[in-house]
Amino acid sequence: MLFPEVESPRGQFAGHETFPLRLLWLKKVYEAVGQGVESGYFQRPEAIAEFGVGKNMAVSMRFWALAAGMISEQNKRITRTSLADLILDNDGFDPYLEDRATTWLIHWHLASTTTMTTTIYFAFNHVNTTEFTAASLTQDIIEFAERSNWKISETTLKRDVEVFLRGYARKSETNIEDAAEPLMAELGLVKSVSPGQWFEFTRGSQQSLPDEVFLYGLMQFWDRTGQEIGTLTAEQISYAPGSPGRVFKLDEDSVVTRLINLESITKGKILWTDTAGLRQVQRNGEIDILEMLSGVYISKEKVV
């Protein structure tokens, strides 16, 4: 198999209540969850009152926090994740999501698996054209779902595609500082070429993407292959579904440059080799990925 299989056995096209992820939602959910709450908490009157939103929006906030990897749900109980503690705690590195590195991390969680946000995953990993329309994306996912034996109504899927586009494609007249602005639009990964008609992916070096966030994605992708392999090729990392190259919309040269840089960042725990035309990386020890991520924010604090 050229590319390892990392896709989930089913897709999800609902749960967001038709609201895209907004700027301040993850911090609000993090504070509300505290040391843990029951799964049904977000539907209770006290939660709705605390958030100051309607019931559907409170449910949407829970959905996005789960999808973004900031909370987890087990045994009918919701708790904060270690990643959320690192970033969203009042003493964390980016509690109000002001750093672009955090937005890239969230994007990785939304676009690297089919588990909760299948449309986002499909758009970044299976759409091979630069330009697309809402209708073409919907049709492509319908065909993909049929091949995967997923049951999904076209009406539900159209709503999901609409939420994806509202969340990722920024409108030119929107104020970037507006708290109601969809968070993922900050990355500029999807451009509205013709408002409401054509959209375009922005592929390239993604200069605002830190190498440490790229490494975070690479390590998760590596683990999701389900194979006991010590190496991955540059081709796999660039083009396989769920790979950093696909999810972050990086061109192959930029992927290779980042892979070369990882040897220094990880102090030799990731090794780059280019022998007889075979370009690949090798794992050479365990990596504390949260410690690596901390380096992104600490280095910026030192600059300030």
Protein backbone atom coordinates (compact mmCIF):
# COMPACT_ATOMS: atom_id res chain seq x y z
CA MET A 1 0.00 0.00 0.00
CA LEU A 2 1.52 3.31 -1.08
CA PHE A 3 -0.30 5.39 1.53
CA PRO A 4 -1.27 4.11 5.00
CA GLU A 5 -4.99 4.05 5.79
CA VAL A 6 -5.87 6.55 8.51
CA GLU A 7 -9.56 7.13 7.87
CA SER A 8 -12.29 6.30 10.35
CA PRO A 9 -14.84 3.59 9.47
CA ARG A 10 -17.68 6.11 9.49
CA GLY A 11 -18.36 9.77 8.87
CA GLN A 12 -20.16 12.51 10.79
CA PHE A 13 -21.93 15.40 9.06
CA ALA A 14 -23.88 17.00 11.89
CA GLY A 15 -23.59 18.09 15.50
CA HIS A 16 -22.58 21.73 14.98
CA GLU A 17 -26.21 22.89 14.78
CA THR A 18 -25.20 24.83 11.61
CA PHE A 19 -22.86 27.20 13.52
CA PRO A 20 -19.18 27.42 12.52
CA LEU A 21 -16.53 27.60 15.26
CA ARG A 22 -16.21 31.11 16.69
CA LEU A 23 -13.25 32.85 18.24
CA LEU A 24 -14.09 32.80 21.96
CA TRP A 25 -16.01 29.55 22.18
CA LEU A 26 -13.18 27.21 23.13
CA LYS A 27 -12.09 29.33 26.09
CA LYS A 28 -15.70 29.57 27.32
CA VAL A 29 -16.15 25.81 27.08
CA TYR A 30 -12.82 25.20 28.81
CA GLU A 31 -13.85 27.39 31.75
CA ALA A 32 -17.30 25.80 31.97
CA VAL A 33 -15.97 22.24 32.01
CA GLY A 34 -13.60 22.93 34.91
CA GLN A 35 -12.65 19.68 36.59
CA GLY A 36 -15.30 17.83 34.63
CA VAL A 37 -19.04 17.85 33.88
CA GLU A 38 -21.64 15.27 32.89
CA SER A 39 -22.20 14.76 29.16
CA GLY A 40 -25.61 16.40 29.20
CA TYR A 41 -24.37 19.57 30.86
CA PHE A 42 -24.44 21.72 27.72
CA GLN A 43 -28.17 21.16 27.27
CA ARG A 44 -29.04 22.28 30.80
CA PRO A 45 -30.52 25.72 31.58
CA GLU A 46 -27.57 26.68 33.79
CA ALA A 47 -25.10 26.06 30.96
CA ILE A 48 -27.20 28.02 28.49
CA ALA A 49 -27.41 30.88 30.99
CA GLU A 50 -23.65 30.76 31.64
CA PHE A 51 -22.81 30.97 27.94
CA GLY A 52 -25.50 33.55 27.25
CA VAL A 53 -26.59 31.76 24.09
CA GLY A 54 -29.47 29.58 22.92
CA LYS A 55 -29.59 25.82 23.47
CA ASN A 56 -28.52 24.97 19.92
CA MET A 57 -25.48 27.24 20.11
CA ALA A 58 -24.45 25.76 23.47
CA VAL A 59 -24.59 22.30 21.90
CA SER A 60 -22.54 23.61 18.98
CA MET A 61 -19.88 24.95 21.37
CA ARG A 62 -19.55 21.50 22.93
CA PHE A 63 -19.29 19.89 19.48
CA TRP A 64 -16.49 22.17 18.31
CA ALA A 65 -14.52 21.87 21.55
CA LEU A 66 -14.62 18.08 21.20
CA ALA A 67 -13.66 18.20 17.52
CA ALA A 68 -10.82 20.65 18.24
CA GLY A 69 -9.27 18.33 20.83
CA MET A 70 -9.84 20.71 23.75
CA ILE A 71 -12.22 18.46 25.68
CA SER A 72 -12.82 14.73 25.68
CA GLU A 73 -15.81 12.60 26.58
CA GLN A 74 -15.59 9.22 28.29
CA ASN A 75 -18.05 7.29 30.44
CA LYS A 76 -20.66 10.06 30.04
CA ARG A 77 -18.28 12.65 31.48
CA ILE A 78 -16.54 15.58 29.76
CA THR A 79 -13.07 16.69 30.87
CA ARG A 80 -10.37 19.05 29.66
CA THR A 81 -7.48 17.66 27.60
CA SER A 82 -3.79 18.16 28.29
CA LEU A 83 -3.57 20.21 25.09
CA ALA A 84 -6.33 22.51 26.36
CA ASP A 85 -4.59 22.93 29.72
CA LEU A 86 -1.38 23.88 27.92
CA ILE A 87 -3.10 26.55 25.85
CA LEU A 88 -6.39 27.68 27.39
CA ASP A 89 -5.70 27.79 31.11
CA ASN A 90 -5.50 31.34 32.50
CA ASP A 91 -1.79 30.70 32.95
CA GLY A 92 -1.59 28.88 29.62
CA PHE A 93 0.24 29.99 26.51
CA ASP A 94 -2.72 31.32 24.51
CA PRO A 95 -5.98 31.42 26.51
CA TYR A 96 -7.71 33.81 24.11
CA LEU A 97 -6.44 32.24 20.88
CA GLU A 98 -4.39 35.22 19.77
CA ASP A 99 -1.52 33.14 18.37
CA ARG A 100 -1.80 31.73 14.87
CA ALA A 101 -0.03 28.55 16.03
CA THR A 102 -3.09 27.66 18.11
CA THR A 103 -5.40 28.09 15.13
CA TRP A 104 -3.19 25.75 13.10
CA LEU A 105 -3.39 23.16 15.90
CA ILE A 106 -7.17 23.36 15.93
CA HIS A 107 -7.25 23.05 12.15
CA TRP A 108 -5.18 19.88 12.39
CA HIS A 109 -7.72 18.33 14.74
CA LEU A 110 -10.64 19.30 12.50
CA ALA A 111 -9.14 18.25 9.17
CA SER A 112 -6.95 15.22 9.86
CA THR A 113 -9.64 12.58 10.62
CA THR A 114 -13.21 11.79 9.63
CA THR A 115 -14.29 11.22 13.22
CA MET A 116 -16.42 14.34 13.82
CA THR A 117 -15.84 16.78 10.96
CA THR A 118 -15.93 14.57 7.88
CA THR A 119 -16.69 17.31 5.38
CA ILE A 120 -13.67 19.33 6.52
CA TYR A 121 -11.53 16.21 6.35
CA PHE A 122 -12.74 15.35 2.86
CA ALA A 123 -12.25 18.87 1.52
CA PHE A 124 -8.62 19.02 2.57
CA ASN A 125 -7.66 15.41 1.89
CA HIS A 126 -9.68 14.26 -1.11
CA VAL A 127 -10.41 17.31 -3.25
CA ASN A 128 -7.58 17.26 -5.76
CA THR A 129 -8.50 20.44 -7.64
CA THR A 130 -7.53 23.94 -6.55
CA GLU A 131 -10.96 25.43 -7.23
CA PHE A 132 -14.33 23.98 -6.29
CA THR A 133 -17.96 24.90 -5.67
CA ALA A 134 -20.30 23.97 -2.86
CA ALA A 135 -22.23 21.78 -5.30
CA SER A 136 -19.14 19.95 -6.58
CA LEU A 137 -17.88 19.34 -3.03
CA THR A 138 -21.28 18.01 -1.98
CA GLN A 139 -21.43 15.64 -4.94
CA ASP A 140 -17.88 14.38 -4.35
CA ILE A 141 -18.69 13.60 -0.70
CA ILE A 142 -21.91 11.82 -1.69
CA GLU A 143 -19.92 9.53 -3.99
CA PHE A 144 -17.25 9.02 -1.31
CA ALA A 145 -19.94 8.18 1.29
CA GLU A 146 -21.52 5.63 -1.05
CA ARG A 147 -18.16 3.90 -1.55
CA SER A 148 -17.63 3.92 2.22
CA ASN A 149 -21.15 2.61 2.93
CA TRP A 150 -22.01 5.72 4.97
CA LYS A 151 -25.67 6.70 5.14
CA ILE A 152 -26.14 10.47 4.77
CA SER A 153 -28.99 12.59 3.45
CA GLU A 154 -28.17 15.16 0.79
CA THR A 155 -29.94 17.87 2.80
CA THR A 156 -27.76 17.22 5.86
CA LEU A 157 -24.65 17.16 3.73
CA LYS A 158 -25.48 20.46 2.02
CA ARG A 159 -25.82 22.11 5.44
CA ASP A 160 -22.50 20.63 6.52
CA VAL A 161 -20.74 21.93 3.40
CA GLU A 162 -22.26 25.36 4.02
CA VAL A 163 -20.93 25.38 7.60
CA PHE A 164 -17.47 24.38 6.33
CA LEU A 165 -17.40 27.24 3.83
CA ARG A 166 -18.74 29.78 6.31
CA GLY A 167 -16.10 28.64 8.79
CA TYR A 168 -13.05 28.63 6.51
CA ALA A 169 -13.68 31.18 3.75
CA ARG A 170 -13.38 34.69 5.15
CA LYS A 171 -15.51 37.44 3.68
CA SER A 172 -13.40 40.41 2.65
CA GLU A 173 -15.57 42.89 4.52
CA THR A 174 -15.41 40.97 7.82
CA ASN A 175 -13.41 42.51 10.67
CA ILE A 176 -10.74 40.00 11.68
CA GLU A 177 -11.02 41.13 15.31
CA ASP A 178 -14.75 40.47 15.46
CA ALA A 179 -15.45 37.85 18.16
CA ALA A 180 -18.21 36.44 15.97
CA GLU A 181 -15.76 35.87 13.10
CA PRO A 182 -15.33 32.13 12.41
CA LEU A 183 -11.98 31.17 13.91
CA MET A 184 -10.66 29.05 11.05
CA ALA A 185 -11.05 31.84 8.50
CA GLU A 186 -7.95 33.43 10.06
CA LEU A 187 -5.73 30.90 8.30
CA GLY A 188 -6.82 31.93 4.82
CA LEU A 189 -6.75 28.33 3.61
CA VAL A 190 -9.96 28.77 1.60
CA LYS A 191 -10.63 31.87 -0.50
CA SER A 192 -13.95 32.94 -1.93
CA VAL A 193 -13.04 33.56 -5.58
CA SER A 194 -16.59 34.37 -6.62
CA PRO A 195 -18.78 35.06 -3.54
CA GLY A 196 -21.20 32.22 -3.01
CA GLN A 197 -19.98 30.40 -6.15
CA TRP A 198 -16.32 29.41 -6.56
CA PHE A 199 -13.82 28.75 -3.80
CA GLU A 200 -10.07 28.17 -3.93
CA PHE A 201 -7.59 26.44 -1.64
CA THR A 202 -4.42 28.33 -0.73
CA ARG A 203 -1.54 25.89 -1.10
CA GLY A 204 2.09 26.74 -0.46
CA SER A 205 4.71 27.13 2.25
CA GLN A 206 2.22 28.35 4.93
CA GLN A 207 4.76 30.61 6.61
CA SER A 208 2.62 31.16 9.72
CA LEU A 209 2.64 27.40 10.43
CA PRO A 210 5.32 26.63 13.08
CA ASP A 211 7.53 23.59 12.50
CA GLU A 212 6.51 22.33 15.94
CA VAL A 213 2.83 22.27 14.93
CA PHE A 214 3.83 20.48 11.74
CA LEU A 215 5.67 17.97 13.96
CA TYR A 216 2.57 17.56 16.14
CA GLY A 217 0.56 16.63 13.07
CA LEU A 218 3.28 14.36 11.75
CA MET A 219 3.46 12.38 15.00
CA GLN A 220 -0.31 11.88 15.11
CA PHE A 221 -0.37 10.89 11.43
CA TRP A 222 2.46 8.44 12.06
CA ASP A 223 0.59 6.83 14.98
CA ARG A 224 -2.65 6.62 13.00
CA THR A 225 -1.08 4.52 10.27
CA GLY A 226 -1.59 1.53 12.53
CA GLN A 227 1.67 0.07 11.35
CA GLU A 228 4.81 -0.64 13.34
CA ILE A 229 7.05 1.24 10.96
CA GLY A 230 10.10 3.29 11.77
CA THR A 231 10.08 5.41 8.63
CA LEU A 232 7.76 7.48 6.47
CA THR A 233 8.56 8.78 3.01
CA ALA A 234 8.32 12.40 1.98
CA GLU A 235 5.70 11.30 -0.55
CA GLN A 236 3.48 9.80 2.15
CA ILE A 237 3.81 12.88 4.36
CA SER A 238 3.01 15.14 1.42
CA TYR A 239 0.12 13.35 -0.25
CA ALA A 240 -1.48 10.61 1.88
CA PRO A 241 -4.99 11.31 3.23
CA GLY A 242 -4.68 12.70 6.75
CA SER A 243 -1.04 13.68 6.26
CA PRO A 244 0.48 17.05 7.22
CA GLY A 245 1.02 17.89 3.56
CA ARG A 246 -2.65 17.43 2.75
CA VAL A 247 -4.14 18.89 5.92
CA PHE A 248 -1.93 21.99 6.00
CA LYS A 249 -2.04 22.43 2.21
CA LEU A 250 1.75 22.38 1.90
CA ASP A 251 3.58 21.92 -1.38
CA GLU A 252 6.09 19.05 -1.49
CA ASP A 253 9.18 21.26 -1.37
CA SER A 254 7.89 22.92 1.80
CA VAL A 255 7.21 19.52 3.38
CA VAL A 256 10.77 18.42 2.63
CA THR A 257 12.21 21.65 4.07
CA ARG A 258 10.26 21.14 7.28
CA LEU A 259 11.28 17.48 7.53
CA ILE A 260 14.93 18.48 7.26
CA ASN A 261 14.41 21.05 10.04
CA LEU A 262 12.90 18.47 12.39
CA GLU A 263 16.26 16.81 13.08
CA SER A 264 17.43 19.97 14.84
CA ILE A 265 14.11 20.68 16.56
CA THR A 266 13.82 17.14 17.97
CA LYS A 267 17.55 16.85 18.75
CA GLY A 268 17.95 13.88 16.47
CA LYS A 269 14.79 11.99 17.40
CA ILE A 270 13.55 12.55 13.85
CA LEU A 271 16.21 11.86 11.22
CA TRP A 272 16.03 12.89 7.55
CA THR A 273 17.69 10.73 4.89
CA ASP A 274 17.94 11.14 1.13
CA THR A 275 19.64 8.07 -0.28
CA ALA A 276 19.41 6.84 -3.85
CA GLY A 277 16.40 9.04 -4.46
CA LEU A 278 14.51 7.71 -1.42
CA ARG A 279 13.62 10.67 0.77
CA GLN A 280 12.28 9.70 4.18
CA VAL A 281 12.30 10.36 7.92
CA GLN A 282 13.04 7.92 10.70
CA ARG A 283 11.90 7.94 14.32
CA ASN A 284 14.81 7.63 16.67
CA GLY A 285 13.29 7.90 20.14
CA GLU A 286 10.20 9.10 21.97
CA ILE A 287 9.09 12.71 21.57
CA ASP A 288 7.20 14.71 24.21
CA ILE A 289 4.98 16.51 21.75
CA LEU A 290 3.42 18.88 24.29
CA GLU A 291 6.89 19.94 25.37
CA MET A 292 7.72 20.57 21.72
CA LEU A 293 4.59 22.70 21.34
CA SER A 294 5.51 24.69 24.43
CA GLY A 295 8.66 25.73 22.61
CA VAL A 296 6.58 27.57 19.99
CA TYR A 297 5.05 29.92 22.54
CA ILE A 298 8.10 30.23 24.81
CA SER A 299 10.32 31.32 21.93
CA LYS A 300 7.82 34.06 21.04
CA GLU A 301 7.69 35.23 24.65
CA LYS A 302 11.47 35.61 24.64
CA VAL A 303 11.30 37.73 21.50
CA VAL A 304 8.74 40.01 23.14
